[in-house]
Amino acid sequence: MKIFKRILVVTALIVILLMAVSDTFGFVSYEDMMVFLGLRPPVFTTAELSVHFIDVGQGDSTLIISGDRTVLIDAGDSEGGQAVRSYLVSQKVDHLDYIIATHPHSDHTGGIETVLESFETGTLLIPVFSENGKSEDDLYAWHELNRTAEAAGIAMTEAVPGMALDLGISSLSVLAPSGDYDEINNYSVVTELVHGDNSFLITGDAETESEADMLKSGVLEDIDVLKAGHHGSSTSTGSEFLEIVKPEYAVISCGAGNSYNHPSASVMKRLGEYGVRVFRTDLQGSIIAESDGKTICFLTADKEQAEK
């Protein structure tokens, strides 16, 4: 208790000293002081880069705004596409330089048709995908994606490892898929977004088999923010993978009360063991990460606030 009191006293003295310095010399603001003491996170009023994990229920959609460049990775299911369109309008997005369809599952690509109908789009990127041994359901989603692109008059471009997209102040690199898989989720296009010292790994529904291939190829590195694979399912975000990428934050996109029990308790425990702070769209609605190239801050709203 005495130690605790001493800490409080020392903290109070620092606060008083910093306030006095601020008043006298004018070079330490109150906001900077609170950030310095760890009592308030930094909030950027004009973020150079923002990554928006859009709440589309049980699905995935991520918007990257990098200066005047825009990328949309997935667009939820057909109903989620309406939510994505509304969200893009709210962010004053009037065009998309790239849309990335991570893999042909309807909870990721079903809303792309709505988006293509509503926004001028430059390039649609898709995974290198083999139809051999795939189910009719999987092939239906794949053919629907092809039909959607054809109707919009947009040629689909395969995203291959090593491909890099110049987003002006940032870059987006393709890391996967790099193999032929039985499970469609492992065909997910995995990308790494880098802005200055900050990095984001966006994994679609990539599972441990794809994670293992990325580990083997050596393309993974220490990152800041992980968009956890497959909505936090136990089939993704393995220990060996986390050991290498070492994220400080993880974002899980899933629907409230979903029937899949996403996110998995085992994944939540694993992330906790690695000291990762977790954000979830089912609990916090759409989540925004802002970066100035050195620091990342998060803006969230709980469900009740988001619906008002």
C-alpha atoms as a PDB file:
ATOM      1  CA  MET A   1       0.000   0.000   0.000  1.00  0.00           C
ATOM      2  CA  LYS A   2       2.862   2.377   0.866  1.00  0.00           C
ATOM      3  CA  ILE A   3       4.511   1.646  -2.484  1.00  0.00           C
ATOM      4  CA  PHE A   4       1.220   2.332  -4.258  1.00  0.00           C
ATOM      5  CA  LYS A   5       0.863   5.672  -2.455  1.00  0.00           C
ATOM      6  CA  ARG A   6       4.412   6.626  -3.391  1.00  0.00           C
ATOM      7  CA  ILE A   7       3.670   5.857  -7.040  1.00  0.00           C
ATOM      8  CA  LEU A   8       0.611   8.110  -6.886  1.00  0.00           C
ATOM      9  CA  VAL A   9       2.622  10.895  -5.304  1.00  0.00           C
ATOM     10  CA  VAL A  10       5.385  10.637  -7.899  1.00  0.00           C
ATOM     11  CA  THR A  11       2.821  10.593 -10.716  1.00  0.00           C
ATOM     12  CA  ALA A  12       1.082  13.651  -9.303  1.00  0.00           C
ATOM     13  CA  LEU A  13       4.405  15.498  -9.069  1.00  0.00           C
ATOM     14  CA  ILE A  14       5.189  14.667 -12.698  1.00  0.00           C
ATOM     15  CA  VAL A  15       1.757  15.953 -13.749  1.00  0.00           C
ATOM     16  CA  ILE A  16       2.255  19.202 -11.844  1.00  0.00           C
ATOM     17  CA  LEU A  17       5.757  19.638 -13.261  1.00  0.00           C
ATOM     18  CA  LEU A  18       4.639  19.027 -16.834  1.00  0.00           C
ATOM     19  CA  MET A  19       1.703  21.410 -16.454  1.00  0.00           C
ATOM     20  CA  ALA A  20       4.009  24.058 -15.079  1.00  0.00           C
ATOM     21  CA  VAL A  21       6.449  23.575 -17.952  1.00  0.00           C
ATOM     22  CA  SER A  22       3.578  23.708 -20.416  1.00  0.00           C
ATOM     23  CA  ASP A  23       2.264  26.982 -18.979  1.00  0.00           C
ATOM     24  CA  THR A  24       5.714  28.537 -18.819  1.00  0.00           C
ATOM     25  CA  PHE A  25       7.296  27.482 -22.080  1.00  0.00           C
ATOM     26  CA  GLY A  26       4.306  26.314 -24.111  1.00  0.00           C
ATOM     27  CA  PHE A  27       5.892  23.249 -25.670  1.00  0.00           C
ATOM     28  CA  VAL A  28       4.117  20.431 -23.751  1.00  0.00           C
ATOM     29  CA  SER A  29       0.378  20.298 -24.340  1.00  0.00           C
ATOM     30  CA  TYR A  30      -2.117  18.757 -21.954  1.00  0.00           C
ATOM     31  CA  GLU A  31      -2.930  16.063 -24.527  1.00  0.00           C
ATOM     32  CA  ASP A  32       0.769  15.229 -25.007  1.00  0.00           C
ATOM     33  CA  MET A  33       1.191  15.039 -21.261  1.00  0.00           C
ATOM     34  CA  MET A  34      -1.679  12.567 -20.887  1.00  0.00           C
ATOM     35  CA  VAL A  35      -0.284  10.421 -23.706  1.00  0.00           C
ATOM     36  CA  PHE A  36       3.192  10.578 -22.135  1.00  0.00           C
ATOM     37  CA  LEU A  37       1.789   9.297 -18.832  1.00  0.00           C
ATOM     38  CA  GLY A  38      -0.107   6.523 -20.586  1.00  0.00           C
ATOM     39  CA  LEU A  39      -3.446   7.914 -19.408  1.00  0.00           C
ATOM     40  CA  ARG A  40      -4.788   8.613 -22.879  1.00  0.00           C
ATOM     41  CA  PRO A  41      -3.979   7.007 -26.253  1.00  0.00           C
ATOM     42  CA  PRO A  42      -2.968   9.231 -29.162  1.00  0.00           C
ATOM     43  CA  VAL A  43      -5.790  10.206 -31.523  1.00  0.00           C
ATOM     44  CA  PHE A  44      -4.853  11.569 -34.934  1.00  0.00           C
ATOM     45  CA  THR A  45      -7.105  14.258 -36.326  1.00  0.00           C
ATOM     46  CA  THR A  46      -5.735  13.805 -39.858  1.00  0.00           C
ATOM     47  CA  ALA A  47      -4.554  10.223 -40.207  1.00  0.00           C
ATOM     48  CA  GLU A  48      -2.220   9.551 -43.118  1.00  0.00           C
ATOM     49  CA  LEU A  49      -3.431   5.957 -43.255  1.00  0.00           C
ATOM     50  CA  SER A  50      -6.620   4.417 -41.929  1.00  0.00           C
ATOM     51  CA  VAL A  51      -7.655   0.762 -41.961  1.00  0.00           C
ATOM     52  CA  HIS A  52     -11.357   0.131 -41.422  1.00  0.00           C
ATOM     53  CA  PHE A  53     -12.560  -3.283 -40.298  1.00  0.00           C
ATOM     54  CA  ILE A  54     -16.195  -2.929 -41.324  1.00  0.00           C
ATOM     55  CA  ASP A  55     -18.896  -4.666 -39.314  1.00  0.00           C
ATOM     56  CA  VAL A  56     -20.693  -6.877 -41.837  1.00  0.00           C
ATOM     57  CA  GLY A  57     -21.966  -9.441 -39.335  1.00  0.00           C
ATOM     58  CA  GLN A  58     -20.642 -12.970 -39.946  1.00  0.00           C
ATOM     59  CA  GLY A  59     -18.306 -12.011 -42.751  1.00  0.00           C
ATOM     60  CA  ASP A  60     -15.282  -9.926 -43.668  1.00  0.00           C
ATOM     61  CA  SER A  61     -14.647  -6.524 -45.176  1.00  0.00           C
ATOM     62  CA  THR A  62     -11.629  -4.248 -44.755  1.00  0.00           C
ATOM     63  CA  LEU A  63     -11.208  -0.777 -46.241  1.00  0.00           C
ATOM     64  CA  ILE A  64      -7.778   0.825 -46.610  1.00  0.00           C
ATOM     65  CA  ILE A  65      -7.557   4.583 -47.154  1.00  0.00           C
ATOM     66  CA  SER A  66      -3.962   5.523 -47.937  1.00  0.00           C
ATOM     67  CA  GLY A  67      -3.809   9.207 -48.801  1.00  0.00           C
ATOM     68  CA  ASP A  68      -5.944   9.392 -51.946  1.00  0.00           C
ATOM     69  CA  ARG A  69      -5.651   5.646 -52.688  1.00  0.00           C
ATOM     70  CA  THR A  70      -8.348   3.179 -51.637  1.00  0.00           C
ATOM     71  CA  VAL A  71      -8.469  -0.600 -51.373  1.00  0.00           C
ATOM     72  CA  LEU A  72     -11.400  -2.783 -50.356  1.00  0.00           C
ATOM     73  CA  ILE A  73     -10.601  -6.313 -49.225  1.00  0.00           C
ATOM     74  CA  ASP A  74     -13.803  -8.405 -49.354  1.00  0.00           C
ATOM     75  CA  ALA A  75     -17.329  -7.036 -48.961  1.00  0.00           C
ATOM     76  CA  GLY A  76     -19.254  -9.441 -46.725  1.00  0.00           C
ATOM     77  CA  ASP A  77     -22.218 -11.425 -48.060  1.00  0.00           C
ATOM     78  CA  SER A  78     -24.953 -10.007 -50.310  1.00  0.00           C
ATOM     79  CA  GLU A  79     -26.651  -8.315 -47.357  1.00  0.00           C
ATOM     80  CA  GLY A  80     -23.308  -7.119 -46.027  1.00  0.00           C
ATOM     81  CA  GLY A  81     -22.655  -5.453 -49.373  1.00  0.00           C
ATOM     82  CA  GLN A  82     -25.328  -2.884 -48.523  1.00  0.00           C
ATOM     83  CA  ALA A  83     -23.582  -2.153 -45.225  1.00  0.00           C
ATOM     84  CA  VAL A  84     -20.257  -1.794 -47.020  1.00  0.00           C
ATOM     85  CA  ARG A  85     -21.724   0.611 -49.559  1.00  0.00           C
ATOM     86  CA  SER A  86     -23.211   2.767 -46.796  1.00  0.00           C
ATOM     87  CA  TYR A  87     -19.946   2.696 -44.885  1.00  0.00           C
ATOM     88  CA  LEU A  88     -17.904   3.775 -47.914  1.00  0.00           C
ATOM     89  CA  VAL A  89     -20.292   6.657 -48.518  1.00  0.00           C
ATOM     90  CA  SER A  90     -19.943   7.710 -44.860  1.00  0.00           C
ATOM     91  CA  GLN A  91     -16.162   7.807 -45.337  1.00  0.00           C
ATOM     92  CA  LYS A  92     -16.556   9.935 -48.496  1.00  0.00           C
ATOM     93  CA  VAL A  93     -15.071   7.213 -50.687  1.00  0.00           C
ATOM     94  CA  ASP A  94     -16.017   7.830 -54.323  1.00  0.00           C
ATOM     95  CA  HIS A  95     -13.744   5.288 -56.041  1.00  0.00           C
ATOM     96  CA  LEU A  96     -11.784   2.140 -55.308  1.00  0.00           C
ATOM     97  CA  ASP A  97      -8.354   1.656 -56.826  1.00  0.00           C
ATOM     98  CA  TYR A  98      -8.439  -2.037 -55.952  1.00  0.00           C
ATOM     99  CA  ILE A  99     -10.914  -4.616 -54.716  1.00  0.00           C
ATOM    100  CA  ILE A 100      -9.383  -7.829 -53.420  1.00  0.00           C
ATOM    101  CA  ALA A 101     -11.634 -10.894 -53.255  1.00  0.00           C
ATOM    102  CA  THR A 102      -9.634 -13.049 -50.858  1.00  0.00           C
ATOM    103  CA  HIS A 103     -11.367 -16.337 -51.766  1.00  0.00           C
ATOM    104  CA  PRO A 104     -14.685 -17.542 -53.235  1.00  0.00           C
ATOM    105  CA  HIS A 105     -16.840 -17.832 -50.121  1.00  0.00           C
ATOM    106  CA  SER A 106     -20.065 -15.849 -50.081  1.00  0.00           C
ATOM    107  CA  ASP A 107     -19.443 -14.215 -46.677  1.00  0.00           C
ATOM    108  CA  HIS A 108     -16.422 -12.503 -48.264  1.00  0.00           C
ATOM    109  CA  THR A 109     -17.413 -11.972 -51.898  1.00  0.00           C
ATOM    110  CA  GLY A 110     -21.225 -11.898 -51.885  1.00  0.00           C
ATOM    111  CA  GLY A 111     -21.316  -8.121 -51.418  1.00  0.00           C
ATOM    112  CA  ILE A 112     -18.822  -7.314 -54.177  1.00  0.00           C
ATOM    113  CA  GLU A 113     -21.569  -7.022 -56.811  1.00  0.00           C
ATOM    114  CA  THR A 114     -23.258  -4.236 -54.819  1.00  0.00           C
ATOM    115  CA  VAL A 115     -19.937  -2.422 -54.436  1.00  0.00           C
ATOM    116  CA  LEU A 116     -19.066  -2.701 -58.131  1.00  0.00           C
ATOM    117  CA  GLU A 117     -22.480  -1.303 -59.026  1.00  0.00           C
ATOM    118  CA  SER A 118     -21.923   1.694 -56.759  1.00  0.00           C
ATOM    119  CA  PHE A 119     -18.261   2.701 -57.085  1.00  0.00           C
ATOM    120  CA  GLU A 120     -15.810   3.199 -59.926  1.00  0.00           C
ATOM    121  CA  THR A 121     -13.233   0.437 -59.517  1.00  0.00           C
ATOM    122  CA  GLY A 122      -9.785   0.087 -61.043  1.00  0.00           C
ATOM    123  CA  THR A 123      -8.682  -3.523 -60.546  1.00  0.00           C
ATOM    124  CA  LEU A 124     -10.292  -6.644 -59.085  1.00  0.00           C
ATOM    125  CA  LEU A 125      -7.717  -9.028 -57.623  1.00  0.00           C
ATOM    126  CA  ILE A 126      -8.500 -12.688 -57.019  1.00  0.00           C
ATOM    127  CA  PRO A 127      -6.520 -15.692 -55.739  1.00  0.00           C
ATOM    128  CA  VAL A 128      -4.857 -18.249 -57.967  1.00  0.00           C
ATOM    129  CA  PHE A 129      -7.502 -20.947 -57.645  1.00  0.00           C
ATOM    130  CA  SER A 130      -7.759 -24.561 -58.793  1.00  0.00           C
ATOM    131  CA  GLU A 131     -11.231 -26.030 -59.446  1.00  0.00           C
ATOM    132  CA  ASN A 132      -9.954 -29.605 -59.149  1.00  0.00           C
ATOM    133  CA  GLY A 133     -11.718 -31.520 -56.384  1.00  0.00           C
ATOM    134  CA  LYS A 134     -13.799 -28.542 -55.268  1.00  0.00           C
ATOM    135  CA  SER A 135     -17.450 -28.841 -54.237  1.00  0.00           C
ATOM    136  CA  GLU A 136     -20.332 -27.486 -56.294  1.00  0.00           C
ATOM    137  CA  ASP A 137     -20.992 -24.863 -53.591  1.00  0.00           C
ATOM    138  CA  ASP A 138     -17.415 -23.609 -53.795  1.00  0.00           C
ATOM    139  CA  LEU A 139     -17.488 -23.548 -57.574  1.00  0.00           C
ATOM    140  CA  TYR A 140     -20.835 -21.728 -57.526  1.00  0.00           C
ATOM    141  CA  ALA A 141     -19.320 -18.920 -55.449  1.00  0.00           C
ATOM    142  CA  TRP A 142     -16.309 -18.828 -57.774  1.00  0.00           C
ATOM    143  CA  HIS A 143     -18.464 -18.665 -60.899  1.00  0.00           C
ATOM    144  CA  GLU A 144     -20.664 -15.973 -59.319  1.00  0.00           C
ATOM    145  CA  LEU A 145     -17.569 -13.862 -58.691  1.00  0.00           C
ATOM    146  CA  ASN A 146     -16.556 -14.298 -62.350  1.00  0.00           C
ATOM    147  CA  ARG A 147     -20.058 -13.357 -63.491  1.00  0.00           C
ATOM    148  CA  THR A 148     -20.092 -10.270 -61.260  1.00  0.00           C
ATOM    149  CA  ALA A 149     -16.768  -9.037 -62.655  1.00  0.00           C
ATOM    150  CA  GLU A 150     -17.831  -9.703 -66.251  1.00  0.00           C
ATOM    151  CA  ALA A 151     -21.101  -7.834 -65.758  1.00  0.00           C
ATOM    152  CA  ALA A 152     -19.167  -4.861 -64.372  1.00  0.00           C
ATOM    153  CA  GLY A 153     -16.740  -4.970 -67.283  1.00  0.00           C
ATOM    154  CA  ILE A 154     -13.749  -5.525 -64.998  1.00  0.00           C
ATOM    155  CA  ALA A 155     -11.072  -8.084 -65.800  1.00  0.00           C
ATOM    156  CA  MET A 156      -9.983 -10.195 -62.847  1.00  0.00           C
ATOM    157  CA  THR A 157      -6.260 -10.187 -62.093  1.00  0.00           C
ATOM    158  CA  GLU A 158      -4.635 -13.018 -60.176  1.00  0.00           C
ATOM    159  CA  ALA A 159      -2.851 -11.975 -56.988  1.00  0.00           C
ATOM    160  CA  VAL A 160       0.425 -13.859 -56.737  1.00  0.00           C
ATOM    161  CA  PRO A 161       3.014 -13.821 -53.938  1.00  0.00           C
ATOM    162  CA  GLY A 162       5.523 -11.048 -54.497  1.00  0.00           C
ATOM    163  CA  MET A 163       2.982  -8.718 -56.125  1.00  0.00           C
ATOM    164  CA  ALA A 164       3.147  -5.220 -54.621  1.00  0.00           C
ATOM    165  CA  LEU A 165       0.561  -2.455 -54.904  1.00  0.00           C
ATOM    166  CA  ASP A 166       1.798   1.124 -54.652  1.00  0.00           C
ATOM    167  CA  LEU A 167      -0.608   3.017 -52.422  1.00  0.00           C
ATOM    168  CA  GLY A 168       1.322   6.271 -52.390  1.00  0.00           C
ATOM    169  CA  ILE A 169       2.320   6.709 -48.757  1.00  0.00           C
ATOM    170  CA  SER A 170       2.047   2.955 -48.103  1.00  0.00           C
ATOM    171  CA  SER A 171       2.475  -0.361 -49.883  1.00  0.00           C
ATOM    172  CA  LEU A 172       0.421  -3.534 -49.974  1.00  0.00           C
ATOM    173  CA  SER A 173       2.205  -6.817 -50.719  1.00  0.00           C
ATOM    174  CA  VAL A 174       0.716 -10.219 -51.544  1.00  0.00           C
ATOM    175  CA  LEU A 175       2.134 -13.064 -49.411  1.00  0.00           C
ATOM    176  CA  ALA A 176      -0.233 -15.956 -50.229  1.00  0.00           C
ATOM    177  CA  PRO A 177      -1.681 -18.270 -51.477  1.00  0.00           C
ATOM    178  CA  SER A 178       1.349 -20.197 -52.638  1.00  0.00           C
ATOM    179  CA  GLY A 179       0.061 -23.767 -53.006  1.00  0.00           C
ATOM    180  CA  ASP A 180      -2.719 -26.037 -54.195  1.00  0.00           C
ATOM    181  CA  TYR A 181      -5.168 -26.823 -51.396  1.00  0.00           C
ATOM    182  CA  ASP A 182      -8.187 -28.992 -50.707  1.00  0.00           C
ATOM    183  CA  GLU A 183      -9.694 -26.403 -48.335  1.00  0.00           C
ATOM    184  CA  ILE A 184     -10.924 -23.242 -50.091  1.00  0.00           C
ATOM    185  CA  ASN A 185     -10.019 -21.042 -47.118  1.00  0.00           C
ATOM    186  CA  ASN A 186      -6.328 -21.703 -47.718  1.00  0.00           C
ATOM    187  CA  TYR A 187      -6.578 -20.043 -51.132  1.00  0.00           C
ATOM    188  CA  SER A 188      -7.181 -16.739 -49.327  1.00  0.00           C
ATOM    189  CA  VAL A 189      -5.151 -13.811 -50.608  1.00  0.00           C
ATOM    190  CA  VAL A 190      -3.007 -12.734 -47.651  1.00  0.00           C
ATOM    191  CA  THR A 191      -1.610  -9.203 -47.765  1.00  0.00           C
ATOM    192  CA  GLU A 192       0.772  -7.119 -45.669  1.00  0.00           C
ATOM    193  CA  LEU A 193       0.208  -3.361 -45.504  1.00  0.00           C
ATOM    194  CA  VAL A 194       3.241  -1.261 -44.542  1.00  0.00           C
ATOM    195  CA  HIS A 195       3.234   2.450 -43.679  1.00  0.00           C
ATOM    196  CA  GLY A 196       6.466   3.741 -42.202  1.00  0.00           C
ATOM    197  CA  ASP A 197       7.212   1.675 -39.108  1.00  0.00           C
ATOM    198  CA  ASN A 198       3.666   0.266 -38.925  1.00  0.00           C
ATOM    199  CA  SER A 199       2.435  -2.960 -40.501  1.00  0.00           C
ATOM    200  CA  PHE A 200      -0.864  -4.822 -40.850  1.00  0.00           C
ATOM    201  CA  LEU A 201      -1.366  -8.463 -41.851  1.00  0.00           C
ATOM    202  CA  ILE A 202      -4.758  -9.166 -43.452  1.00  0.00           C
ATOM    203  CA  THR A 203      -5.370 -12.894 -43.810  1.00  0.00           C
ATOM    204  CA  GLY A 204      -8.887 -13.550 -45.134  1.00  0.00           C
ATOM    205  CA  ASP A 205      -9.795 -17.074 -44.023  1.00  0.00           C
ATOM    206  CA  ALA A 206      -6.275 -18.521 -44.357  1.00  0.00           C
ATOM    207  CA  GLU A 207      -5.876 -21.534 -42.077  1.00  0.00           C
ATOM    208  CA  THR A 208      -2.864 -23.207 -40.497  1.00  0.00           C
ATOM    209  CA  GLU A 209      -1.892 -24.987 -43.749  1.00  0.00           C
ATOM    210  CA  SER A 210      -1.470 -21.669 -45.527  1.00  0.00           C
ATOM    211  CA  GLU A 211       0.203 -20.226 -42.436  1.00  0.00           C
ATOM    212  CA  ALA A 212       2.701 -23.112 -42.537  1.00  0.00           C
ATOM    213  CA  ASP A 213       3.489 -22.417 -46.204  1.00  0.00           C
ATOM    214  CA  MET A 214       4.105 -18.751 -45.440  1.00  0.00           C
ATOM    215  CA  LEU A 215       6.353 -19.711 -42.529  1.00  0.00           C
ATOM    216  CA  LYS A 216       8.265 -22.084 -44.802  1.00  0.00           C
ATOM    217  CA  SER A 217       8.751 -19.444 -47.504  1.00  0.00           C
ATOM    218  CA  GLY A 218       9.996 -16.885 -44.969  1.00  0.00           C
ATOM    219  CA  VAL A 219       7.639 -14.071 -46.042  1.00  0.00           C
ATOM    220  CA  LEU A 220       6.259 -13.464 -42.545  1.00  0.00           C
ATOM    221  CA  GLU A 221       7.728 -10.906 -40.173  1.00  0.00           C
ATOM    222  CA  ASP A 222       6.989  -9.070 -36.950  1.00  0.00           C
ATOM    223  CA  ILE A 223       3.824  -6.981 -37.485  1.00  0.00           C
ATOM    224  CA  ASP A 224       1.681  -4.585 -35.459  1.00  0.00           C
ATOM    225  CA  VAL A 225      -1.908  -5.518 -36.356  1.00  0.00           C
ATOM    226  CA  LEU A 226      -3.265  -8.921 -37.372  1.00  0.00           C
ATOM    227  CA  LYS A 227      -6.659  -9.391 -38.978  1.00  0.00           C
ATOM    228  CA  ALA A 228      -7.135 -12.863 -37.505  1.00  0.00           C
ATOM    229  CA  GLY A 229      -7.850 -15.617 -40.009  1.00  0.00           C
ATOM    230  CA  HIS A 230     -11.258 -17.241 -40.501  1.00  0.00           C
ATOM    231  CA  HIS A 231     -13.163 -15.048 -38.031  1.00  0.00           C
ATOM    232  CA  GLY A 232     -11.105 -16.309 -35.092  1.00  0.00           C
ATOM    233  CA  SER A 233     -11.707 -19.977 -35.878  1.00  0.00           C
ATOM    234  CA  SER A 234      -9.548 -22.648 -34.208  1.00  0.00           C
ATOM    235  CA  THR A 235      -8.331 -23.645 -37.701  1.00  0.00           C
ATOM    236  CA  SER A 236      -6.282 -20.431 -37.950  1.00  0.00           C
ATOM    237  CA  THR A 237      -3.863 -18.257 -35.950  1.00  0.00           C
ATOM    238  CA  GLY A 238      -1.614 -21.108 -34.845  1.00  0.00           C
ATOM    239  CA  SER A 239       1.097 -20.824 -32.196  1.00  0.00           C
ATOM    240  CA  GLU A 240       3.978 -21.188 -34.681  1.00  0.00           C
ATOM    241  CA  PHE A 241       2.432 -18.412 -36.782  1.00  0.00           C
ATOM    242  CA  LEU A 242       2.008 -16.093 -33.778  1.00  0.00           C
ATOM    243  CA  GLU A 243       5.555 -16.809 -32.675  1.00  0.00           C
ATOM    244  CA  ILE A 244       6.825 -15.178 -35.864  1.00  0.00           C
ATOM    245  CA  VAL A 245       4.352 -12.355 -36.545  1.00  0.00           C
ATOM    246  CA  LYS A 246       4.122 -11.253 -32.884  1.00  0.00           C
ATOM    247  CA  PRO A 247       1.179  -8.843 -33.311  1.00  0.00           C
ATOM    248  CA  GLU A 248       0.464  -6.208 -30.707  1.00  0.00           C
ATOM    249  CA  TYR A 249      -3.186  -6.065 -31.776  1.00  0.00           C
ATOM    250  CA  ALA A 250      -5.607  -8.471 -33.441  1.00  0.00           C
ATOM    251  CA  VAL A 251      -8.959  -7.729 -35.062  1.00  0.00           C
ATOM    252  CA  ILE A 252     -11.586 -10.463 -35.355  1.00  0.00           C
ATOM    253  CA  SER A 253     -14.480  -9.973 -37.759  1.00  0.00           C
ATOM    254  CA  CYS A 254     -17.527 -12.067 -36.831  1.00  0.00           C
ATOM    255  CA  GLY A 255     -21.255 -11.781 -36.237  1.00  0.00           C
ATOM    256  CA  ALA A 256     -22.875 -11.410 -32.828  1.00  0.00           C
ATOM    257  CA  GLY A 257     -24.169 -14.772 -31.556  1.00  0.00           C
ATOM    258  CA  ASN A 258     -23.017 -16.574 -34.704  1.00  0.00           C
ATOM    259  CA  SER A 259     -23.727 -20.308 -34.993  1.00  0.00           C
ATOM    260  CA  TYR A 260     -20.048 -21.138 -35.583  1.00  0.00           C
ATOM    261  CA  ASN A 261     -19.041 -19.984 -32.074  1.00  0.00           C
ATOM    262  CA  HIS A 262     -16.493 -17.614 -33.574  1.00  0.00           C
ATOM    263  CA  PRO A 263     -14.130 -16.580 -32.199  1.00  0.00           C
ATOM    264  CA  SER A 264     -12.862 -19.856 -30.793  1.00  0.00           C
ATOM    265  CA  ALA A 265     -12.073 -19.944 -27.074  1.00  0.00           C
ATOM    266  CA  SER A 266      -8.762 -21.619 -27.901  1.00  0.00           C
ATOM    267  CA  VAL A 267      -7.739 -18.781 -30.214  1.00  0.00           C
ATOM    268  CA  MET A 268      -8.757 -16.151 -27.669  1.00  0.00           C
ATOM    269  CA  LYS A 269      -6.668 -17.952 -25.061  1.00  0.00           C
ATOM    270  CA  ARG A 270      -3.736 -18.233 -27.457  1.00  0.00           C
ATOM    271  CA  LEU A 271      -3.857 -14.533 -28.288  1.00  0.00           C
ATOM    272  CA  GLY A 272      -4.007 -13.756 -24.572  1.00  0.00           C
ATOM    273  CA  GLU A 273      -0.941 -15.889 -23.911  1.00  0.00           C
ATOM    274  CA  TYR A 274       0.965 -13.852 -26.491  1.00  0.00           C
ATOM    275  CA  GLY A 275      -0.194 -10.587 -24.912  1.00  0.00           C
ATOM    276  CA  VAL A 276      -2.234  -9.529 -27.949  1.00  0.00           C
ATOM    277  CA  ARG A 277      -4.962  -6.929 -27.442  1.00  0.00           C
ATOM    278  CA  VAL A 278      -8.081  -8.078 -29.317  1.00  0.00           C
ATOM    279  CA  PHE A 279     -10.785  -6.007 -31.028  1.00  0.00           C
ATOM    280  CA  ARG A 280     -13.990  -7.693 -32.247  1.00  0.00           C
ATOM    281  CA  THR A 281     -16.652  -6.432 -34.629  1.00  0.00           C
ATOM    282  CA  ASP A 282     -19.345  -8.511 -32.898  1.00  0.00           C
ATOM    283  CA  LEU A 283     -18.710  -6.560 -29.681  1.00  0.00           C
ATOM    284  CA  GLN A 284     -17.482  -3.173 -30.892  1.00  0.00           C
ATOM    285  CA  GLY A 285     -18.959  -2.688 -34.354  1.00  0.00           C
ATOM    286  CA  SER A 286     -16.733  -1.281 -37.090  1.00  0.00           C
ATOM    287  CA  ILE A 287     -13.151  -0.719 -35.957  1.00  0.00           C
ATOM    288  CA  ILE A 288     -10.752   1.880 -37.344  1.00  0.00           C
ATOM    289  CA  ALA A 289      -6.973   1.735 -36.976  1.00  0.00           C
ATOM    290  CA  GLU A 290      -5.173   4.983 -37.801  1.00  0.00           C
ATOM    291  CA  SER A 291      -1.442   5.259 -38.467  1.00  0.00           C
ATOM    292  CA  ASP A 292       0.939   8.194 -38.825  1.00  0.00           C
ATOM    293  CA  GLY A 293       3.750   5.825 -39.781  1.00  0.00           C
ATOM    294  CA  LYS A 294       5.042   5.521 -36.230  1.00  0.00           C
ATOM    295  CA  THR A 295       2.043   5.040 -33.968  1.00  0.00           C
ATOM    296  CA  ILE A 296      -1.298   3.249 -34.369  1.00  0.00           C
ATOM    297  CA  CYS A 297      -4.457   4.252 -32.551  1.00  0.00           C
ATOM    298  CA  PHE A 298      -7.857   2.550 -32.613  1.00  0.00           C
ATOM    299  CA  LEU A 299     -11.308   4.103 -32.783  1.00  0.00           C
ATOM    300  CA  THR A 300     -14.282   1.911 -31.895  1.00  0.00           C
ATOM    301  CA  ALA A 301     -17.954   2.187 -31.074  1.00  0.00           C
ATOM    302  CA  ASP A 302     -19.971  -0.427 -29.213  1.00  0.00           C
ATOM    303  CA  LYS A 303     -23.017  -1.909 -30.900  1.00  0.00           C
ATOM    304  CA  GLU A 304     -25.532   0.391 -29.212  1.00  0.00           C
ATOM    305  CA  GLN A 305     -23.580   3.510 -30.175  1.00  0.00           C
ATOM    306  CA  ALA A 306     -23.044   2.271 -33.725  1.00  0.00           C
ATOM    307  CA  GLU A 307     -26.760   1.743 -34.235  1.00  0.00           C
ATOM    308  CA  LYS A 308     -27.858   5.183 -33.010  1.00  0.00           C
END
